[in-house]
Amino acid sequence: MDAGSVPERLGDFRERLIRVFGAAGAESVLATMTASKRTGYVVNPLADGDWMPIGTPIPGLPGCFSVLPQARRSLLEHPAVAAGGFYPMNPSSVYAARALDVDGSMEVLDLAAAPGGKTLLLAMAMNNAGRIAAVEPVKGRFHRMRANLARCGVTNVQFYAADGRSIGRKVPGRFDRVLLDAPCSSEARIRLDDPATFRHWKLRKIRETTRKQRGLIRSAFDALKPGGEMVYCTCAFSPEENELVVAHLLEAETAADVLPSAAPGAPGLTVWADRALDARLEHCRRLLPDDLFDGFFLARIRKGR
């Protein structure tokens, strides 16, 4: 892909990708934004029915499958999707939920939960035991999430219509695990041939989003028990929404530490804009986009005792 194929309004976006990934890496990322992609899904054992998976297993992610681009419609119209037995989801998101390593003895917080795909993954790992508190402030998304998870057979979730930035103050030190899939600029979901996917993108939007993310990560950490772990993730490429948000937490909370992750991808950045960052950010993971996986950022964080 050459520079001329990138829409003019995304010139700054392309230049920032070069700063993050290098020239060749940036062009590789941009190429995935016009190419046809496979569609991933997870098989949900909590739903009624015994469904035979279709497509191809995704290596390294048991229970996850993909179908070719031309089979996407057939997958979405499959009766198992309507019944909740198949849940379409990009496999990058599966790595985030599984990195949390939950079980049915735990109390878990999903701090920005809608539409509920990662909440479903947590409930599956917990076999509907324990308790998940799912928080979502937007009314329409909140009700769709409840209906979505009911259709999928999830029974261990309690729902809260609230701003996630308030939760740590209300229930400090309560949860064994916290998942924060933070609202972000959704850069990894940009399609260069679909202006609707990048009409929102502006540097100012990134700055506004970063302020919200910093409030959310502090709230998530406050809600975590000493010795507990959390995952912070986004579908953005911008360091301001990723490493710099985690760095903000590390600077504010001496009890915070970044743990290594088994997820694939490139290490987190430890330098940005000529500024040296905390060396522990290298443990973060940047999943690179391809013909199946979306670009993704993931950080595992532990709260010291």
C-alpha atoms as a PDB file:
ATOM      1  CA  MET A   1       0.000   0.000   0.000  1.00  0.00           C
ATOM      2  CA  ASP A   2       1.393   3.418  -0.919  1.00  0.00           C
ATOM      3  CA  ALA A   3       0.845   6.743   0.818  1.00  0.00           C
ATOM      4  CA  GLY A   4      -1.598   7.834  -1.845  1.00  0.00           C
ATOM      5  CA  SER A   5      -4.054   5.132  -0.893  1.00  0.00           C
ATOM      6  CA  VAL A   6      -4.465   6.542   2.634  1.00  0.00           C
ATOM      7  CA  PRO A   7      -7.256   9.152   2.891  1.00  0.00           C
ATOM      8  CA  GLU A   8      -5.934  12.659   3.334  1.00  0.00           C
ATOM      9  CA  ARG A   9      -7.565  13.142   6.718  1.00  0.00           C
ATOM     10  CA  LEU A  10      -5.600  10.109   7.994  1.00  0.00           C
ATOM     11  CA  GLY A  11      -2.190  11.539   7.129  1.00  0.00           C
ATOM     12  CA  ASP A  12      -1.402  12.158  10.810  1.00  0.00           C
ATOM     13  CA  PHE A  13      -2.623   8.663  11.633  1.00  0.00           C
ATOM     14  CA  ARG A  14      -0.214   7.140   9.126  1.00  0.00           C
ATOM     15  CA  GLU A  15       2.705   9.219  10.427  1.00  0.00           C
ATOM     16  CA  ARG A  16       1.965   8.090  13.984  1.00  0.00           C
ATOM     17  CA  LEU A  17       1.880   4.448  12.895  1.00  0.00           C
ATOM     18  CA  ILE A  18       5.352   4.935  11.396  1.00  0.00           C
ATOM     19  CA  ARG A  19       6.585   6.283  14.727  1.00  0.00           C
ATOM     20  CA  VAL A  20       5.171   3.252  16.561  1.00  0.00           C
ATOM     21  CA  PHE A  21       5.947   0.436  14.124  1.00  0.00           C
ATOM     22  CA  GLY A  22       8.545   1.826  11.702  1.00  0.00           C
ATOM     23  CA  ALA A  23       7.875   2.486   8.031  1.00  0.00           C
ATOM     24  CA  ALA A  24       7.577  -1.144   6.930  1.00  0.00           C
ATOM     25  CA  GLY A  25       5.497  -2.095   9.961  1.00  0.00           C
ATOM     26  CA  ALA A  26       3.136   0.825   9.421  1.00  0.00           C
ATOM     27  CA  GLU A  27       2.558  -0.115   5.777  1.00  0.00           C
ATOM     28  CA  SER A  28       1.859  -3.695   6.879  1.00  0.00           C
ATOM     29  CA  VAL A  29      -0.745  -2.464   9.378  1.00  0.00           C
ATOM     30  CA  LEU A  30      -2.344  -0.193   6.771  1.00  0.00           C
ATOM     31  CA  ALA A  31      -2.527  -3.050   4.271  1.00  0.00           C
ATOM     32  CA  THR A  32      -4.762  -5.004   6.677  1.00  0.00           C
ATOM     33  CA  MET A  33      -7.194  -2.085   6.641  1.00  0.00           C
ATOM     34  CA  THR A  34      -8.289  -2.804   3.086  1.00  0.00           C
ATOM     35  CA  ALA A  35      -7.789  -6.578   2.886  1.00  0.00           C
ATOM     36  CA  SER A  36     -10.636  -9.051   3.413  1.00  0.00           C
ATOM     37  CA  LYS A  37     -10.510 -10.633   6.851  1.00  0.00           C
ATOM     38  CA  ARG A  38     -11.580 -13.955   8.251  1.00  0.00           C
ATOM     39  CA  THR A  39     -14.238 -13.908  10.971  1.00  0.00           C
ATOM     40  CA  GLY A  40     -13.567 -15.473  14.351  1.00  0.00           C
ATOM     41  CA  TYR A  41     -15.981 -16.878  16.897  1.00  0.00           C
ATOM     42  CA  VAL A  42     -16.000 -18.808  20.172  1.00  0.00           C
ATOM     43  CA  VAL A  43     -18.044 -21.899  20.986  1.00  0.00           C
ATOM     44  CA  ASN A  44     -20.092 -21.224  24.121  1.00  0.00           C
ATOM     45  CA  PRO A  45     -20.715 -24.261  26.369  1.00  0.00           C
ATOM     46  CA  LEU A  46     -23.103 -22.290  28.587  1.00  0.00           C
ATOM     47  CA  ALA A  47     -25.767 -22.057  25.875  1.00  0.00           C
ATOM     48  CA  ASP A  48     -28.409 -24.684  25.195  1.00  0.00           C
ATOM     49  CA  GLY A  49     -27.743 -27.027  22.277  1.00  0.00           C
ATOM     50  CA  ASP A  50     -24.922 -29.188  21.038  1.00  0.00           C
ATOM     51  CA  TRP A  51     -23.490 -27.365  18.041  1.00  0.00           C
ATOM     52  CA  MET A  52     -20.868 -28.754  15.689  1.00  0.00           C
ATOM     53  CA  PRO A  53     -18.219 -26.071  15.044  1.00  0.00           C
ATOM     54  CA  ILE A  54     -17.720 -24.870  11.495  1.00  0.00           C
ATOM     55  CA  GLY A  55     -14.578 -23.406   9.943  1.00  0.00           C
ATOM     56  CA  THR A  56     -11.020 -23.832  11.179  1.00  0.00           C
ATOM     57  CA  PRO A  57      -9.658 -23.993  14.760  1.00  0.00           C
ATOM     58  CA  ILE A  58      -7.501 -21.012  15.716  1.00  0.00           C
ATOM     59  CA  PRO A  59      -4.096 -22.256  16.941  1.00  0.00           C
ATOM     60  CA  GLY A  60      -3.354 -21.371  20.554  1.00  0.00           C
ATOM     61  CA  LEU A  61      -6.980 -20.496  21.374  1.00  0.00           C
ATOM     62  CA  PRO A  62      -8.966 -23.651  22.239  1.00  0.00           C
ATOM     63  CA  GLY A  63     -12.671 -23.297  21.538  1.00  0.00           C
ATOM     64  CA  CYS A  64     -12.099 -20.552  18.948  1.00  0.00           C
ATOM     65  CA  PHE A  65     -12.656 -20.956  15.219  1.00  0.00           C
ATOM     66  CA  SER A  66     -12.561 -18.834  12.088  1.00  0.00           C
ATOM     67  CA  VAL A  67     -14.324 -18.842   8.737  1.00  0.00           C
ATOM     68  CA  LEU A  68     -13.169 -17.398   5.432  1.00  0.00           C
ATOM     69  CA  PRO A  69     -14.413 -13.955   4.349  1.00  0.00           C
ATOM     70  CA  GLN A  70     -16.928 -15.446   1.930  1.00  0.00           C
ATOM     71  CA  ALA A  71     -18.436 -17.547   4.762  1.00  0.00           C
ATOM     72  CA  ARG A  72     -19.013 -14.623   7.139  1.00  0.00           C
ATOM     73  CA  ARG A  73     -22.681 -14.239   6.245  1.00  0.00           C
ATOM     74  CA  SER A  74     -23.303 -17.975   6.627  1.00  0.00           C
ATOM     75  CA  LEU A  75     -21.741 -17.854  10.089  1.00  0.00           C
ATOM     76  CA  LEU A  76     -23.796 -14.862  11.218  1.00  0.00           C
ATOM     77  CA  GLU A  77     -26.980 -16.530   9.964  1.00  0.00           C
ATOM     78  CA  HIS A  78     -26.141 -19.877  11.585  1.00  0.00           C
ATOM     79  CA  PRO A  79     -28.811 -20.974  14.117  1.00  0.00           C
ATOM     80  CA  ALA A  80     -26.095 -21.469  16.741  1.00  0.00           C
ATOM     81  CA  VAL A  81     -25.433 -17.702  16.693  1.00  0.00           C
ATOM     82  CA  ALA A  82     -29.080 -16.902  17.380  1.00  0.00           C
ATOM     83  CA  ALA A  83     -29.079 -19.504  20.170  1.00  0.00           C
ATOM     84  CA  GLY A  84     -25.899 -18.129  21.757  1.00  0.00           C
ATOM     85  CA  GLY A  85     -23.903 -21.288  21.054  1.00  0.00           C
ATOM     86  CA  PHE A  86     -21.524 -19.471  18.689  1.00  0.00           C
ATOM     87  CA  TYR A  87     -20.413 -15.958  19.615  1.00  0.00           C
ATOM     88  CA  PRO A  88     -18.692 -13.978  16.824  1.00  0.00           C
ATOM     89  CA  MET A  89     -15.674 -12.212  18.281  1.00  0.00           C
ATOM     90  CA  ASN A  90     -12.262 -11.200  17.108  1.00  0.00           C
ATOM     91  CA  PRO A  91      -9.690 -13.553  18.649  1.00  0.00           C
ATOM     92  CA  SER A  92      -7.559 -10.651  19.862  1.00  0.00           C
ATOM     93  CA  SER A  93     -10.270 -10.058  22.459  1.00  0.00           C
ATOM     94  CA  VAL A  94     -10.052 -13.681  23.585  1.00  0.00           C
ATOM     95  CA  TYR A  95      -6.431 -13.205  24.588  1.00  0.00           C
ATOM     96  CA  ALA A  96      -7.440 -10.297  26.833  1.00  0.00           C
ATOM     97  CA  ALA A  97     -10.130 -12.211  28.720  1.00  0.00           C
ATOM     98  CA  ARG A  98      -8.017 -15.339  29.084  1.00  0.00           C
ATOM     99  CA  ALA A  99      -5.033 -13.340  30.343  1.00  0.00           C
ATOM    100  CA  LEU A 100      -7.117 -12.542  33.433  1.00  0.00           C
ATOM    101  CA  ASP A 101      -6.985 -16.235  34.474  1.00  0.00           C
ATOM    102  CA  VAL A 102     -10.297 -16.357  36.369  1.00  0.00           C
ATOM    103  CA  ASP A 103     -12.024 -19.300  38.044  1.00  0.00           C
ATOM    104  CA  GLY A 104     -15.347 -19.972  39.749  1.00  0.00           C
ATOM    105  CA  SER A 105     -14.089 -19.056  43.227  1.00  0.00           C
ATOM    106  CA  MET A 106     -13.541 -15.418  42.301  1.00  0.00           C
ATOM    107  CA  GLU A 107     -15.383 -12.127  42.349  1.00  0.00           C
ATOM    108  CA  VAL A 108     -14.635 -10.347  39.075  1.00  0.00           C
ATOM    109  CA  LEU A 109     -15.317  -6.820  37.818  1.00  0.00           C
ATOM    110  CA  ASP A 110     -15.838  -6.058  34.127  1.00  0.00           C
ATOM    111  CA  LEU A 111     -15.606  -2.280  34.202  1.00  0.00           C
ATOM    112  CA  ALA A 112     -16.660  -1.325  30.657  1.00  0.00           C
ATOM    113  CA  ALA A 113     -18.567  -4.453  29.793  1.00  0.00           C
ATOM    114  CA  ALA A 114     -20.893  -3.800  26.827  1.00  0.00           C
ATOM    115  CA  PRO A 115     -21.611  -5.462  24.478  1.00  0.00           C
ATOM    116  CA  GLY A 116     -20.643  -8.385  26.711  1.00  0.00           C
ATOM    117  CA  GLY A 117     -18.375 -10.616  24.634  1.00  0.00           C
ATOM    118  CA  LYS A 118     -15.512 -10.569  27.131  1.00  0.00           C
ATOM    119  CA  THR A 119     -17.997 -10.910  29.995  1.00  0.00           C
ATOM    120  CA  LEU A 120     -19.205 -14.096  28.306  1.00  0.00           C
ATOM    121  CA  LEU A 121     -15.619 -15.374  28.102  1.00  0.00           C
ATOM    122  CA  LEU A 122     -15.171 -14.733  31.815  1.00  0.00           C
ATOM    123  CA  ALA A 123     -18.433 -16.535  32.639  1.00  0.00           C
ATOM    124  CA  MET A 124     -17.340 -19.478  30.482  1.00  0.00           C
ATOM    125  CA  ALA A 125     -13.996 -19.715  32.294  1.00  0.00           C
ATOM    126  CA  MET A 126     -15.823 -19.552  35.634  1.00  0.00           C
ATOM    127  CA  ASN A 127     -18.449 -22.104  34.511  1.00  0.00           C
ATOM    128  CA  ASN A 128     -21.171 -19.699  35.684  1.00  0.00           C
ATOM    129  CA  ALA A 129     -19.833 -19.868  39.259  1.00  0.00           C
ATOM    130  CA  GLY A 130     -18.474 -17.035  41.376  1.00  0.00           C
ATOM    131  CA  ARG A 131     -19.715 -13.530  40.602  1.00  0.00           C
ATOM    132  CA  ILE A 132     -19.115 -11.045  37.810  1.00  0.00           C
ATOM    133  CA  ALA A 133     -20.114  -7.399  38.213  1.00  0.00           C
ATOM    134  CA  ALA A 134     -20.652  -5.940  34.734  1.00  0.00           C
ATOM    135  CA  VAL A 135     -20.649  -2.136  34.553  1.00  0.00           C
ATOM    136  CA  GLU A 136     -21.867  -0.058  31.596  1.00  0.00           C
ATOM    137  CA  PRO A 137     -22.971   3.604  31.714  1.00  0.00           C
ATOM    138  CA  VAL A 138     -24.769   3.923  28.347  1.00  0.00           C
ATOM    139  CA  LYS A 139     -28.416   2.920  28.710  1.00  0.00           C
ATOM    140  CA  GLY A 140     -28.937   1.386  25.267  1.00  0.00           C
ATOM    141  CA  ARG A 141     -25.687  -0.595  25.421  1.00  0.00           C
ATOM    142  CA  PHE A 142     -26.504  -1.689  28.980  1.00  0.00           C
ATOM    143  CA  HIS A 143     -29.838  -3.257  27.993  1.00  0.00           C
ATOM    144  CA  ARG A 144     -28.401  -4.892  24.864  1.00  0.00           C
ATOM    145  CA  MET A 145     -25.640  -6.412  27.001  1.00  0.00           C
ATOM    146  CA  ARG A 146     -28.155  -7.900  29.439  1.00  0.00           C
ATOM    147  CA  ALA A 147     -30.175  -9.430  26.621  1.00  0.00           C
ATOM    148  CA  ASN A 148     -27.026 -10.662  24.907  1.00  0.00           C
ATOM    149  CA  LEU A 149     -25.712 -12.500  27.961  1.00  0.00           C
ATOM    150  CA  ALA A 150     -29.125 -13.954  28.840  1.00  0.00           C
ATOM    151  CA  ARG A 151     -29.315 -15.410  25.324  1.00  0.00           C
ATOM    152  CA  CYS A 152     -25.888 -16.964  25.876  1.00  0.00           C
ATOM    153  CA  GLY A 153     -26.920 -18.732  29.099  1.00  0.00           C
ATOM    154  CA  VAL A 154     -24.865 -16.579  31.491  1.00  0.00           C
ATOM    155  CA  THR A 155     -26.203 -16.644  35.057  1.00  0.00           C
ATOM    156  CA  ASN A 156     -23.346 -15.428  37.304  1.00  0.00           C
ATOM    157  CA  VAL A 157     -23.428 -11.751  36.271  1.00  0.00           C
ATOM    158  CA  GLN A 158     -24.949  -8.814  38.100  1.00  0.00           C
ATOM    159  CA  PHE A 159     -25.405  -5.671  36.014  1.00  0.00           C
ATOM    160  CA  TYR A 160     -24.767  -2.082  37.038  1.00  0.00           C
ATOM    161  CA  ALA A 161     -25.638   1.000  35.011  1.00  0.00           C
ATOM    162  CA  ALA A 162     -22.887   3.316  36.270  1.00  0.00           C
ATOM    163  CA  ASP A 163     -19.856   5.331  35.253  1.00  0.00           C
ATOM    164  CA  GLY A 164     -16.885   3.029  35.744  1.00  0.00           C
ATOM    165  CA  ARG A 165     -14.801   5.902  37.090  1.00  0.00           C
ATOM    166  CA  SER A 166     -16.907   5.850  40.274  1.00  0.00           C
ATOM    167  CA  ILE A 167     -16.648   2.141  41.076  1.00  0.00           C
ATOM    168  CA  GLY A 168     -13.243   2.072  42.765  1.00  0.00           C
ATOM    169  CA  ARG A 169     -14.370   4.760  45.185  1.00  0.00           C
ATOM    170  CA  LYS A 170     -17.624   2.916  45.971  1.00  0.00           C
ATOM    171  CA  VAL A 171     -16.165  -0.589  46.494  1.00  0.00           C
ATOM    172  CA  PRO A 172     -12.417  -0.251  47.143  1.00  0.00           C
ATOM    173  CA  GLY A 173     -10.371  -3.434  47.405  1.00  0.00           C
ATOM    174  CA  ARG A 174     -13.275  -5.768  46.641  1.00  0.00           C
ATOM    175  CA  PHE A 175     -12.451  -7.776  43.495  1.00  0.00           C
ATOM    176  CA  ASP A 176     -10.042 -10.642  42.846  1.00  0.00           C
ATOM    177  CA  ARG A 177      -9.801  -9.719  39.163  1.00  0.00           C
ATOM    178  CA  VAL A 178     -10.745  -6.681  37.079  1.00  0.00           C
ATOM    179  CA  LEU A 179     -11.092  -6.445  33.298  1.00  0.00           C
ATOM    180  CA  LEU A 180     -10.961  -2.985  31.752  1.00  0.00           C
ATOM    181  CA  ASP A 181     -11.499  -3.038  27.993  1.00  0.00           C
ATOM    182  CA  ALA A 182     -11.370   0.721  27.894  1.00  0.00           C
ATOM    183  CA  PRO A 183     -13.369   2.946  25.544  1.00  0.00           C
ATOM    184  CA  CYS A 184     -10.842   4.100  22.966  1.00  0.00           C
ATOM    185  CA  SER A 185     -10.337   5.662  19.539  1.00  0.00           C
ATOM    186  CA  SER A 186     -10.924   2.242  17.895  1.00  0.00           C
ATOM    187  CA  GLU A 187      -8.000   2.808  15.540  1.00  0.00           C
ATOM    188  CA  ALA A 188      -7.604  -0.915  14.922  1.00  0.00           C
ATOM    189  CA  ARG A 189     -11.105  -1.050  13.445  1.00  0.00           C
ATOM    190  CA  ILE A 190     -10.440   1.573  10.792  1.00  0.00           C
ATOM    191  CA  ARG A 191     -11.146   0.451   7.228  1.00  0.00           C
ATOM    192  CA  LEU A 192      -9.489   2.746   4.709  1.00  0.00           C
ATOM    193  CA  ASP A 193     -12.272   2.025   2.202  1.00  0.00           C
ATOM    194  CA  ASP A 194     -15.062   2.945   4.666  1.00  0.00           C
ATOM    195  CA  PRO A 195     -15.079   6.605   5.801  1.00  0.00           C
ATOM    196  CA  ALA A 196     -17.646   5.797   8.515  1.00  0.00           C
ATOM    197  CA  THR A 197     -14.906   3.904  10.393  1.00  0.00           C
ATOM    198  CA  PHE A 198     -12.513   6.842  10.593  1.00  0.00           C
ATOM    199  CA  ARG A 199     -14.721   9.926  10.455  1.00  0.00           C
ATOM    200  CA  HIS A 200     -14.292  10.274  14.222  1.00  0.00           C
ATOM    201  CA  TRP A 201     -10.486  10.097  14.214  1.00  0.00           C
ATOM    202  CA  LYS A 202      -8.709  13.254  15.386  1.00  0.00           C
ATOM    203  CA  LEU A 203      -5.719  13.927  17.605  1.00  0.00           C
ATOM    204  CA  ARG A 204      -8.052  15.893  19.858  1.00  0.00           C
ATOM    205  CA  LYS A 205     -10.284  12.832  20.203  1.00  0.00           C
ATOM    206  CA  ILE A 206      -7.299  10.799  21.411  1.00  0.00           C
ATOM    207  CA  ARG A 207      -6.546  13.412  24.078  1.00  0.00           C
ATOM    208  CA  GLU A 208     -10.165  13.401  25.246  1.00  0.00           C
ATOM    209  CA  THR A 209     -10.287   9.609  25.345  1.00  0.00           C
ATOM    210  CA  THR A 210      -7.026   9.424  27.286  1.00  0.00           C
ATOM    211  CA  ARG A 211      -8.486  11.501  30.116  1.00  0.00           C
ATOM    212  CA  LYS A 212     -11.362   9.046  30.488  1.00  0.00           C
ATOM    213  CA  GLN A 213      -9.015   6.049  30.309  1.00  0.00           C
ATOM    214  CA  ARG A 214      -6.841   7.413  33.096  1.00  0.00           C
ATOM    215  CA  GLY A 215      -9.877   7.806  35.329  1.00  0.00           C
ATOM    216  CA  LEU A 216     -11.047   4.293  34.510  1.00  0.00           C
ATOM    217  CA  ILE A 217      -7.697   2.586  35.149  1.00  0.00           C
ATOM    218  CA  ARG A 218      -7.350   4.313  38.514  1.00  0.00           C
ATOM    219  CA  SER A 219     -10.879   3.206  39.422  1.00  0.00           C
ATOM    220  CA  ALA A 220     -10.179  -0.360  38.282  1.00  0.00           C
ATOM    221  CA  PHE A 221      -7.011  -0.507  40.378  1.00  0.00           C
ATOM    222  CA  ASP A 222      -8.780   0.922  43.433  1.00  0.00           C
ATOM    223  CA  ALA A 223     -11.473  -1.780  43.137  1.00  0.00           C
ATOM    224  CA  LEU A 224      -8.850  -4.545  43.073  1.00  0.00           C
ATOM    225  CA  LYS A 225      -7.939  -6.522  46.187  1.00  0.00           C
ATOM    226  CA  PRO A 226      -4.316  -6.450  47.326  1.00  0.00           C
ATOM    227  CA  GLY A 227      -2.678  -9.347  45.512  1.00  0.00           C
ATOM    228  CA  GLY A 228      -5.309  -9.210  42.771  1.00  0.00           C
ATOM    229  CA  GLU A 229      -4.729  -8.778  39.060  1.00  0.00           C
ATOM    230  CA  MET A 230      -6.322  -6.739  36.298  1.00  0.00           C
ATOM    231  CA  VAL A 231      -6.093  -6.511  32.533  1.00  0.00           C
ATOM    232  CA  TYR A 232      -6.176  -3.177  30.737  1.00  0.00           C
ATOM    233  CA  CYS A 233      -6.747  -3.381  26.989  1.00  0.00           C
ATOM    234  CA  THR A 234      -7.795  -1.296  23.989  1.00  0.00           C
ATOM    235  CA  CYS A 235      -8.223  -1.661  20.244  1.00  0.00           C
ATOM    236  CA  ALA A 236      -6.127   1.473  19.662  1.00  0.00           C
ATOM    237  CA  PHE A 237      -2.577   1.892  18.374  1.00  0.00           C
ATOM    238  CA  SER A 238      -1.852   5.275  19.987  1.00  0.00           C
ATOM    239  CA  PRO A 239       0.646   5.131  22.875  1.00  0.00           C
ATOM    240  CA  GLU A 240      -1.314   7.864  24.654  1.00  0.00           C
ATOM    241  CA  GLU A 241      -4.188   5.401  25.080  1.00  0.00           C
ATOM    242  CA  ASN A 242      -1.995   2.422  25.878  1.00  0.00           C
ATOM    243  CA  GLU A 243       1.479   2.581  27.431  1.00  0.00           C
ATOM    244  CA  LEU A 244       1.026   6.146  28.699  1.00  0.00           C
ATOM    245  CA  VAL A 245      -2.200   5.224  30.514  1.00  0.00           C
ATOM    246  CA  VAL A 246      -0.439   2.305  32.211  1.00  0.00           C
ATOM    247  CA  ALA A 247       2.544   4.564  32.948  1.00  0.00           C
ATOM    248  CA  HIS A 248       0.149   7.035  34.601  1.00  0.00           C
ATOM    249  CA  LEU A 249      -1.042   4.273  36.926  1.00  0.00           C
ATOM    250  CA  LEU A 250       2.508   3.136  37.717  1.00  0.00           C
ATOM    251  CA  GLU A 251       3.486   6.702  38.607  1.00  0.00           C
ATOM    252  CA  ALA A 252       0.426   7.192  40.822  1.00  0.00           C
ATOM    253  CA  GLU A 253       0.356   3.792  42.551  1.00  0.00           C
ATOM    254  CA  THR A 254       3.531   2.315  43.996  1.00  0.00           C
ATOM    255  CA  ALA A 255       1.657  -0.977  44.559  1.00  0.00           C
ATOM    256  CA  ALA A 256       1.066  -1.413  40.801  1.00  0.00           C
ATOM    257  CA  ASP A 257       3.278  -3.697  38.735  1.00  0.00           C
ATOM    258  CA  VAL A 258       3.145  -4.925  35.130  1.00  0.00           C
ATOM    259  CA  LEU A 259       3.279  -8.689  34.629  1.00  0.00           C
ATOM    260  CA  PRO A 260       4.513 -10.622  31.587  1.00  0.00           C
ATOM    261  CA  SER A 261       1.798 -11.900  29.261  1.00  0.00           C
ATOM    262  CA  ALA A 262       1.589 -15.102  27.261  1.00  0.00           C
ATOM    263  CA  ALA A 263      -0.239 -13.273  24.476  1.00  0.00           C
ATOM    264  CA  PRO A 264       1.649 -13.031  21.181  1.00  0.00           C
ATOM    265  CA  GLY A 265       2.782  -9.806  19.610  1.00  0.00           C
ATOM    266  CA  ALA A 266       5.321  -7.035  20.068  1.00  0.00           C
ATOM    267  CA  PRO A 267       6.439  -5.728  23.472  1.00  0.00           C
ATOM    268  CA  GLY A 268       5.059  -2.470  24.785  1.00  0.00           C
ATOM    269  CA  LEU A 269       6.892   0.761  24.036  1.00  0.00           C
ATOM    270  CA  THR A 270       9.376   2.076  26.589  1.00  0.00           C
ATOM    271  CA  VAL A 271      10.091   5.315  24.703  1.00  0.00           C
ATOM    272  CA  TRP A 272       7.593   7.702  23.123  1.00  0.00           C
ATOM    273  CA  ALA A 273       7.964  11.277  21.920  1.00  0.00           C
ATOM    274  CA  ASP A 274      11.606  11.308  23.084  1.00  0.00           C
ATOM    275  CA  ARG A 275      10.446  10.430  26.597  1.00  0.00           C
ATOM    276  CA  ALA A 276      11.778   7.359  28.388  1.00  0.00           C
ATOM    277  CA  LEU A 277       8.946   5.391  29.969  1.00  0.00           C
ATOM    278  CA  ASP A 278       8.900   2.845  32.785  1.00  0.00           C
ATOM    279  CA  ALA A 279      10.904  -0.194  31.667  1.00  0.00           C
ATOM    280  CA  ARG A 280       8.150  -2.505  32.961  1.00  0.00           C
ATOM    281  CA  LEU A 281       5.950  -1.421  30.061  1.00  0.00           C
ATOM    282  CA  GLU A 282       7.953  -3.836  27.926  1.00  0.00           C
ATOM    283  CA  HIS A 283       5.781  -6.575  29.502  1.00  0.00           C
ATOM    284  CA  CYS A 284       2.693  -5.137  27.778  1.00  0.00           C
ATOM    285  CA  ARG A 285       1.706  -6.697  24.487  1.00  0.00           C
ATOM    286  CA  ARG A 286       0.759  -5.171  21.147  1.00  0.00           C
ATOM    287  CA  LEU A 287      -1.061  -7.765  19.004  1.00  0.00           C
ATOM    288  CA  LEU A 288      -0.446  -6.922  15.361  1.00  0.00           C
ATOM    289  CA  PRO A 289      -3.294  -7.074  12.834  1.00  0.00           C
ATOM    290  CA  ASP A 290      -3.391  -9.620  10.033  1.00  0.00           C
ATOM    291  CA  ASP A 291      -6.060 -11.369   7.962  1.00  0.00           C
ATOM    292  CA  LEU A 292      -7.810 -12.564  11.153  1.00  0.00           C
ATOM    293  CA  PHE A 293      -6.570 -10.735  14.242  1.00  0.00           C
ATOM    294  CA  ASP A 294      -7.354  -7.093  14.954  1.00  0.00           C
ATOM    295  CA  GLY A 295      -4.687  -4.818  16.342  1.00  0.00           C
ATOM    296  CA  PHE A 296      -4.859  -4.826  20.127  1.00  0.00           C
ATOM    297  CA  PHE A 297      -3.047  -3.637  23.255  1.00  0.00           C
ATOM    298  CA  LEU A 298      -2.987  -5.665  26.474  1.00  0.00           C
ATOM    299  CA  ALA A 299      -1.409  -5.065  29.899  1.00  0.00           C
ATOM    300  CA  ARG A 300      -1.532  -7.398  32.916  1.00  0.00           C
ATOM    301  CA  ILE A 301      -1.254  -5.466  36.169  1.00  0.00           C
ATOM    302  CA  ARG A 302      -0.899  -6.768  39.730  1.00  0.00           C
ATOM    303  CA  LYS A 303      -1.739  -4.919  42.921  1.00  0.00           C
ATOM    304  CA  GLY A 304       0.871  -5.558  45.608  1.00  0.00           C
ATOM    305  CA  ARG A 305      -0.152  -6.656  49.069  1.00  0.00           C
END
